[in-house]
Amino acid sequence: MSATERFHEVANDSLVRISEHLWPGAKLALVVYEPGKPKLDIVLKDQGIDLNEVLSTLRRAGLSIDGDNAYKRDLLDSVVGSLALGAQNSNAPPAGHWGQRLWDIGREERAQTVGLLKALMKLTGVAGECEQIASNYSGTIDGVSEHGGDDHEDPSCAIFHRLYYAMFDARAAIAKATQ
């Protein structure tokens, strides 16, 4: 009999003896691991044990979502992936899958972004036309800035000044969103 087989036999016998002293309904699990060597992991558990309840028990005992482990990295990668695939409207999860909600959120956020981008592009077009009209009555932007900018006494100059600088941000946002 190998050392591993002997360990399993001793551990199993010990778990049976321990479980005989547990209160009714209690479950028992034993985990043996060596950090960084997942191939050596051993999990012995009662029949019918719910591993989600084991995880909840460990969380109540101090397991935190702040620590680094492969399970959390994989889970968060799945969340980010579901959001991204939803935004791309591709590879929808199967019906009833937990990722469907996240996929839907990604798709809805993308639809809202596209709608806002279209509205911003339209508004930028109109604002650009207004900027051009105001500039015809205002002279140079430097001259308007020297004489009060947004607070210029001539309303067309103040409008030109505001539109001129607002258009930088709007055009930059559109360029970034459409790359």
Protein backbone atom coordinates (compact mmCIF):
# COMPACT_ATOMS: atom_id res chain seq x y z
CA MET A 1 0.00 0.00 0.00
CA SER A 2 1.40 3.40 -0.99
CA ALA A 3 1.84 6.28 1.44
CA THR A 4 -0.99 8.16 -0.29
CA GLU A 5 -3.33 5.17 -0.01
CA ARG A 6 -2.40 4.75 3.69
CA PHE A 7 -3.08 8.45 4.29
CA HIS A 8 -6.52 8.22 2.62
CA GLU A 9 -7.39 5.16 4.71
CA VAL A 10 -6.29 6.77 7.99
CA ALA A 11 -7.95 10.09 7.12
CA ASN A 12 -11.18 8.40 6.11
CA ASP A 13 -11.27 6.30 9.29
CA SER A 14 -10.58 9.43 11.37
CA LEU A 15 -13.32 11.38 9.62
CA VAL A 16 -15.80 8.56 10.27
CA ARG A 17 -14.87 8.58 13.98
CA ILE A 18 -15.11 12.39 14.19
CA SER A 19 -18.43 12.49 12.33
CA GLU A 20 -19.92 10.06 14.85
CA HIS A 21 -19.52 12.84 17.46
CA LEU A 22 -21.02 15.65 15.38
CA TRP A 23 -24.51 16.97 16.01
CA PRO A 24 -27.25 15.93 13.59
CA GLY A 25 -27.07 17.64 10.21
CA ALA A 26 -23.45 18.75 10.65
CA LYS A 27 -21.05 18.01 7.79
CA LEU A 28 -17.30 17.41 7.83
CA ALA A 29 -14.58 18.13 5.28
CA LEU A 30 -10.81 17.79 5.37
CA VAL A 31 -8.52 19.71 3.05
CA VAL A 32 -4.81 18.95 2.71
CA TYR A 33 -2.68 21.15 0.49
CA GLU A 34 0.84 22.35 -0.08
CA PRO A 35 1.03 25.97 -1.27
CA GLY A 36 1.98 26.21 -4.92
CA LYS A 37 1.46 22.49 -5.56
CA PRO A 38 -2.18 22.01 -6.56
CA LYS A 39 -1.51 18.47 -7.82
CA LEU A 40 -1.01 17.41 -4.20
CA ASP A 41 -4.40 18.77 -3.04
CA ILE A 42 -6.61 16.34 -1.18
CA VAL A 43 -10.24 17.07 -0.32
CA LEU A 44 -12.13 14.53 1.76
CA LYS A 45 -15.77 15.28 2.45
CA ASP A 46 -18.98 13.82 3.81
CA GLN A 47 -21.52 12.53 1.36
CA GLY A 48 -23.94 15.21 0.26
CA ILE A 49 -21.70 18.05 1.35
CA ASP A 50 -22.43 21.38 -0.33
CA LEU A 51 -19.11 23.01 -1.26
CA ASN A 52 -20.82 26.40 -1.44
CA GLU A 53 -21.66 26.00 2.25
CA VAL A 54 -18.03 25.08 2.93
CA LEU A 55 -16.97 28.28 1.17
CA SER A 56 -19.52 30.30 3.17
CA THR A 57 -18.15 28.75 6.38
CA LEU A 58 -14.61 29.73 5.40
CA ARG A 59 -15.79 33.27 4.63
CA ARG A 60 -17.41 33.53 8.07
CA ALA A 61 -14.08 32.36 9.50
CA GLY A 62 -12.21 35.20 7.78
CA LEU A 63 -11.75 34.23 4.12
CA SER A 64 -11.76 37.52 2.26
CA ILE A 65 -12.40 38.56 -1.32
CA ASP A 66 -9.41 40.87 -0.96
CA GLY A 67 -6.80 38.11 -1.05
CA ASP A 68 -5.24 36.84 -4.25
CA ASN A 69 -6.13 33.40 -5.50
CA ALA A 70 -6.76 31.66 -8.80
CA TYR A 71 -10.50 31.18 -8.17
CA LYS A 72 -11.11 34.91 -7.72
CA ARG A 73 -8.90 35.80 -10.69
CA ASP A 74 -10.83 33.34 -12.87
CA LEU A 75 -14.17 34.59 -11.58
CA LEU A 76 -13.29 38.23 -12.19
CA ASP A 77 -11.91 37.39 -15.63
CA SER A 78 -15.28 35.77 -16.35
CA VAL A 79 -17.15 38.86 -15.14
CA VAL A 80 -15.02 41.21 -17.24
CA GLY A 81 -15.32 38.86 -20.22
CA SER A 82 -19.11 38.69 -19.91
CA LEU A 83 -19.35 42.49 -19.78
CA ALA A 84 -17.01 42.88 -22.76
CA LEU A 85 -18.77 40.22 -24.85
CA GLY A 86 -22.12 41.82 -24.05
CA ALA A 87 -20.74 45.20 -25.18
CA GLN A 88 -19.67 43.52 -28.42
CA ASN A 89 -23.03 41.74 -28.65
CA SER A 90 -21.24 38.44 -29.28
CA ASN A 91 -21.00 34.99 -27.67
CA ALA A 92 -24.08 35.24 -25.45
CA PRO A 93 -24.01 32.79 -22.54
CA PRO A 94 -26.37 29.80 -22.57
CA ALA A 95 -29.90 30.28 -21.25
CA GLY A 96 -30.00 30.45 -17.46
CA HIS A 97 -26.24 30.98 -17.08
CA TRP A 98 -25.16 33.35 -14.28
CA GLY A 99 -23.14 35.41 -16.78
CA GLN A 100 -26.27 36.38 -18.71
CA ARG A 101 -27.00 39.29 -16.37
CA LEU A 102 -23.48 40.66 -16.84
CA TRP A 103 -23.64 40.12 -20.61
CA ASP A 104 -26.93 42.04 -20.69
CA ILE A 105 -25.39 44.89 -18.68
CA GLY A 106 -22.49 45.09 -21.14
CA ARG A 107 -24.88 45.13 -24.10
CA GLU A 108 -27.09 47.81 -22.52
CA GLU A 109 -24.11 49.99 -21.59
CA ARG A 110 -22.78 49.75 -25.14
CA ALA A 111 -26.19 50.68 -26.57
CA GLN A 112 -26.35 53.71 -24.27
CA THR A 113 -22.82 54.71 -25.23
CA VAL A 114 -23.61 54.43 -28.93
CA GLY A 115 -26.75 56.52 -28.43
CA LEU A 116 -24.87 59.18 -26.49
CA LEU A 117 -22.08 59.21 -29.08
CA LYS A 118 -24.58 59.76 -31.90
CA ALA A 119 -26.21 62.58 -29.94
CA LEU A 120 -22.81 64.13 -29.17
CA MET A 121 -21.80 63.94 -32.83
CA LYS A 122 -25.03 65.61 -33.89
CA LEU A 123 -24.71 68.28 -31.21
CA THR A 124 -21.06 68.83 -32.13
CA GLY A 125 -22.07 69.36 -35.74
CA VAL A 126 -24.65 71.97 -34.79
CA ALA A 127 -22.29 73.60 -32.28
CA GLY A 128 -19.58 73.71 -34.93
CA GLU A 129 -21.92 75.54 -37.28
CA CYS A 130 -22.86 77.97 -34.51
CA GLU A 131 -19.17 78.45 -33.68
CA GLN A 132 -18.50 79.33 -37.33
CA ILE A 133 -21.38 81.82 -37.43
CA ALA A 134 -20.30 83.43 -34.15
CA SER A 135 -16.69 83.62 -35.35
CA ASN A 136 -17.83 85.61 -38.42
CA TYR A 137 -18.96 88.38 -36.05
CA SER A 138 -16.26 88.06 -33.43
CA GLY A 139 -12.83 88.34 -34.97
CA THR A 140 -10.03 86.07 -33.78
CA ILE A 141 -10.27 83.82 -30.74
CA ASP A 142 -7.18 85.53 -29.28
CA GLY A 143 -8.82 88.92 -29.63
CA VAL A 144 -12.00 87.66 -27.93
CA SER A 145 -9.92 86.11 -25.13
CA GLU A 146 -8.05 89.39 -24.61
CA HIS A 147 -11.34 91.27 -24.20
CA GLY A 148 -13.10 89.04 -21.68
CA GLY A 149 -13.58 85.62 -23.32
CA ASP A 150 -16.74 84.08 -21.87
CA ASP A 151 -17.54 87.43 -20.22
CA HIS A 152 -17.05 89.50 -23.39
CA GLU A 153 -19.56 92.36 -23.61
CA ASP A 154 -20.64 91.29 -27.12
CA PRO A 155 -22.81 88.14 -26.77
CA SER A 156 -21.68 86.72 -30.13
CA CYS A 157 -18.04 86.97 -28.95
CA ALA A 158 -18.85 85.28 -25.63
CA ILE A 159 -20.74 82.51 -27.48
CA PHE A 160 -17.85 82.06 -29.93
CA HIS A 161 -15.37 81.82 -27.06
CA ARG A 162 -17.40 79.17 -25.21
CA LEU A 163 -18.06 77.10 -28.31
CA TYR A 164 -14.46 77.31 -29.51
CA TYR A 165 -13.09 75.72 -26.33
CA ALA A 166 -16.00 73.31 -25.76
CA MET A 167 -15.46 71.91 -29.25
CA PHE A 168 -11.93 70.74 -28.33
CA ASP A 169 -13.29 68.42 -25.61
CA ALA A 170 -16.21 67.25 -27.73
CA ARG A 171 -14.06 66.47 -30.77
CA ALA A 172 -11.47 64.69 -28.60
CA ALA A 173 -14.17 62.56 -26.96
CA ILE A 174 -15.64 61.62 -30.34
CA ALA A 175 -12.19 60.78 -31.74
CA LYS A 176 -11.43 58.55 -28.74
CA ALA A 177 -14.80 56.79 -28.91
CA THR A 178 -14.59 56.11 -32.63
CA GLN A 179 -11.04 54.75 -32.79
